[in-house]
Amino acid sequence: LIYGNRIENADPSVVYAIQQSAMHPGSANVIGSGQKLAPNRPLNEVLMGVGEEGDDGNSGFPTLVVMGLEDQVSSPAAAQARAELFCKLTPETVTVEKIGDSGHCPHDETPEKVAKAMLKWFASSPLQGK
């Protein structure tokens, strides 16, 4: 499901780590302890604050969000809607790179496209050379 588009990229060490964690006798306690944590802030809320001035007087930082549009964990339609929302939030600081033939883990499924997006973003970053 998570690697639905490029199952061959889920190398044995990733599969082993996921299996070991899921089968560990304490895994239920880990999952249960998550219920005691404060709720996570939704990513759209976090991204909306990226360009805001912080306590130190600095005005945010550039951010790259790489999204696989064929995400089978939520759904391709939800991934597309999320990408469109993120594009509208703070376009002056948040860059959204949409990868159409990748899913939930684009860094594993299409690493060459993620690397290309990152290099392009780094080259255009206002922080380049700082």
Protein backbone atom coordinates (compact mmCIF):
# COMPACT_ATOMS: atom_id res chain seq x y z
CA LEU A 1 0.00 0.00 0.00
CA ILE A 2 2.65 2.56 0.99
CA TYR A 3 4.95 1.51 -1.87
CA GLY A 4 2.10 0.67 -4.22
CA ASN A 5 3.63 2.34 -7.27
CA ARG A 6 7.20 1.06 -6.97
CA ILE A 7 7.12 -2.02 -4.75
CA GLU A 8 10.60 -2.92 -6.00
CA ASN A 9 11.96 0.18 -4.22
CA ALA A 10 10.90 -1.11 -0.81
CA ASP A 11 14.29 -2.69 -0.21
CA PRO A 12 14.66 -5.59 2.22
CA SER A 13 16.03 -3.41 5.03
CA VAL A 14 12.94 -1.15 4.92
CA VAL A 15 10.59 -4.15 4.86
CA TYR A 16 12.51 -5.78 7.74
CA ALA A 17 12.42 -2.60 9.86
CA ILE A 18 8.67 -2.21 9.36
CA GLN A 19 8.01 -5.89 10.13
CA GLN A 20 10.21 -5.91 13.23
CA SER A 21 8.56 -2.79 14.61
CA ALA A 22 5.06 -4.11 13.94
CA MET A 23 5.76 -7.52 15.50
CA HIS A 24 7.59 -6.25 18.58
CA PRO A 25 5.70 -7.07 21.81
CA GLY A 26 5.82 -3.41 22.85
CA SER A 27 4.39 -2.05 19.61
CA ALA A 28 0.88 -1.75 21.04
CA ASN A 29 2.26 0.41 23.87
CA VAL A 30 3.95 2.69 21.34
CA ILE A 31 0.74 3.09 19.38
CA GLY A 32 -1.24 3.63 22.58
CA SER A 33 1.18 6.25 23.88
CA GLY A 34 0.43 8.30 20.76
CA GLN A 35 -3.07 8.81 22.14
CA LYS A 36 -1.59 10.71 25.10
CA LEU A 37 0.30 13.23 22.98
CA ALA A 38 -1.01 16.63 22.06
CA PRO A 39 -2.71 16.56 18.66
CA ASN A 40 -0.45 17.19 15.68
CA ARG A 41 -0.93 20.41 13.79
CA PRO A 42 -2.21 19.75 10.28
CA LEU A 43 0.47 20.34 7.63
CA ASN A 44 -1.58 23.08 5.96
CA GLU A 45 -1.59 24.97 9.28
CA VAL A 46 2.17 24.52 9.64
CA LEU A 47 2.81 25.67 6.08
CA MET A 48 0.62 28.73 6.55
CA GLY A 49 3.02 29.85 9.29
CA VAL A 50 6.19 29.31 7.28
CA GLY A 51 6.37 32.87 5.96
CA GLU A 52 5.31 34.55 9.19
CA GLU A 53 7.71 36.57 11.27
CA GLY A 54 9.08 34.56 14.16
CA ASP A 55 9.94 35.63 17.71
CA ASP A 56 13.49 36.37 16.55
CA GLY A 57 12.28 38.85 13.90
CA ASN A 58 13.13 36.59 10.97
CA SER A 59 10.40 36.08 8.40
CA GLY A 60 10.17 32.36 7.90
CA PHE A 61 12.14 30.21 5.51
CA PRO A 62 11.75 28.69 2.06
CA THR A 63 10.18 25.23 2.10
CA LEU A 64 9.95 22.49 -0.54
CA VAL A 65 7.09 19.98 -0.31
CA VAL A 66 7.43 17.00 -2.66
CA MET A 67 4.16 15.14 -3.14
CA GLY A 68 3.33 11.93 -4.95
CA LEU A 69 -0.06 12.37 -6.56
CA GLU A 70 -0.79 8.63 -6.75
CA ASP A 71 -0.82 8.26 -2.96
CA GLN A 72 -2.77 5.10 -2.14
CA VAL A 73 -2.66 5.70 1.62
CA SER A 74 -5.08 8.63 1.46
CA SER A 75 -6.14 8.41 -2.21
CA PRO A 76 -4.96 10.05 -5.43
CA ALA A 77 -7.89 12.50 -5.26
CA ALA A 78 -6.97 13.52 -1.69
CA ALA A 79 -3.29 13.88 -2.66
CA GLN A 80 -4.21 16.15 -5.58
CA ALA A 81 -6.52 18.26 -3.39
CA ARG A 82 -3.83 18.54 -0.71
CA ALA A 83 -1.23 19.59 -3.30
CA GLU A 84 -3.56 22.29 -4.66
CA LEU A 85 -4.24 23.56 -1.14
CA PHE A 86 -0.53 23.69 -0.29
CA CYS A 87 0.16 25.61 -3.52
CA LYS A 88 -2.26 28.33 -2.43
CA LEU A 89 -1.19 28.74 1.20
CA THR A 90 2.06 30.73 1.07
CA PRO A 91 3.39 30.58 -2.50
CA GLU A 92 6.07 33.14 -1.70
CA THR A 93 7.84 30.70 0.66
CA VAL A 94 6.38 27.24 -0.02
CA THR A 95 7.17 25.42 -3.28
CA VAL A 96 5.12 22.31 -4.03
CA GLU A 97 6.58 19.77 -6.46
CA LYS A 98 3.89 17.36 -7.63
CA ILE A 99 5.07 13.99 -8.97
CA GLY A 100 2.29 12.34 -10.94
CA ASP A 101 3.63 8.80 -11.12
CA SER A 102 4.64 8.51 -7.47
CA GLY A 103 2.71 7.67 -4.34
CA HIS A 104 3.03 8.03 -0.57
CA CYS A 105 6.85 7.74 -0.47
CA PRO A 106 8.10 9.65 -3.53
CA HIS A 107 11.64 9.75 -2.14
CA ASP A 108 11.72 5.93 -2.37
CA GLU A 109 9.40 5.37 -5.34
CA THR A 110 10.91 7.95 -7.71
CA PRO A 111 14.17 9.07 -6.08
CA GLU A 112 15.54 10.50 -9.33
CA LYS A 113 12.55 12.84 -9.67
CA VAL A 114 12.76 13.92 -6.03
CA ALA A 115 16.49 14.60 -6.40
CA LYS A 116 15.84 16.63 -9.55
CA ALA A 117 13.14 18.65 -7.78
CA MET A 118 15.47 19.29 -4.85
CA LEU A 119 18.36 20.40 -7.05
CA LYS A 120 16.07 22.74 -8.98
CA TRP A 121 14.69 24.14 -5.72
CA PHE A 122 18.15 24.58 -4.15
CA ALA A 123 19.36 26.43 -7.26
CA SER A 124 16.44 28.89 -7.04
CA SER A 125 16.45 29.30 -3.26
CA PRO A 126 16.92 32.79 -1.87
CA LEU A 127 19.20 31.19 0.73
CA GLN A 128 21.66 30.02 -1.92
CA GLY A 129 25.18 31.08 -0.99
CA LYS A 130 24.30 32.02 2.59
